[in-house]
Protein backbone atom coordinates (compact mmCIF):
# COMPACT_ATOMS: atom_id res chain seq x y z
CA MET A 1 0.00 0.00 0.00
CA LYS A 2 2.83 2.39 0.85
CA SER A 3 4.49 1.76 -2.52
CA THR A 4 1.23 2.39 -4.33
CA ALA A 5 0.71 5.71 -2.55
CA CYS A 6 4.26 6.79 -3.41
CA ALA A 7 3.82 5.83 -7.06
CA TRP A 8 0.51 7.69 -7.22
CA ARG A 9 2.08 10.88 -5.81
CA GLN A 10 4.94 10.62 -8.31
CA LEU A 11 2.45 10.25 -11.16
CA LEU A 12 0.50 13.31 -10.03
CA PHE A 13 3.73 15.31 -9.73
CA HIS A 14 4.81 14.22 -13.21
CA LEU A 15 1.46 15.20 -14.73
CA ALA A 16 1.61 18.58 -13.00
CA LEU A 17 4.86 19.30 -14.85
CA CYS A 18 3.44 18.36 -18.25
CA ASP A 19 1.61 20.61 -20.66
CA ALA A 20 -1.86 19.57 -21.87
CA ASP A 21 -0.57 17.60 -24.88
CA GLU A 22 1.94 15.69 -22.76
CA GLN A 23 -0.73 14.95 -20.16
CA ALA A 24 -3.01 13.57 -22.88
CA SER A 25 -0.17 11.40 -24.16
CA VAL A 26 0.59 10.04 -20.69
CA LEU A 27 -3.08 9.33 -20.00
CA THR A 28 -3.39 7.54 -23.34
CA TRP A 29 -0.36 5.42 -22.45
CA ILE A 30 -1.85 4.62 -19.03
CA ASP A 31 -5.15 3.60 -20.65
CA ALA A 32 -3.31 1.31 -23.08
CA ARG A 33 -1.42 -0.33 -20.22
CA ALA A 34 -4.60 -0.72 -18.16
CA ALA A 35 -6.34 -2.37 -21.11
CA ARG A 36 -3.77 -5.18 -20.98
CA LEU A 37 -4.46 -5.94 -17.32
CA PRO A 38 -6.64 -8.82 -16.21
CA ALA A 39 -10.29 -7.79 -15.87
CA ARG A 40 -10.21 -7.85 -12.06
CA ALA A 41 -7.18 -5.56 -11.87
CA ALA A 42 -8.58 -3.23 -14.52
CA ALA A 43 -11.84 -2.96 -12.57
CA ARG A 44 -9.96 -2.05 -9.39
CA ILE A 45 -8.10 0.84 -11.00
CA ALA A 46 -10.90 2.09 -13.25
CA ARG A 47 -12.25 4.61 -10.74
CA PRO A 48 -8.85 6.09 -9.74
CA LEU A 49 -7.94 6.45 -13.42
CA ALA A 50 -11.26 8.18 -14.13
CA ASP A 51 -10.53 10.57 -11.25
CA LEU A 52 -7.05 11.16 -12.65
CA ARG A 53 -8.44 12.03 -16.09
CA GLN A 54 -10.97 14.37 -14.48
CA ALA A 55 -8.26 16.10 -12.43
CA ALA A 56 -6.09 16.53 -15.54
CA ALA A 57 -9.03 18.03 -17.43
CA VAL A 58 -9.64 20.65 -14.72
CA ARG A 59 -6.18 22.05 -15.11
């Protein structure tokens, strides 16, 4: 859990440094990676990824 929280904070920091096009590219990459996950894992991260996309859109 601690590693996940650290990785999440690093991702948010990285996205904060990106311009809108770079953010879109990163989010597209994340979606492609998530699509290759087993269904159970993809379901578990679907909501956090939706929140991430929403937060990036607000910027």
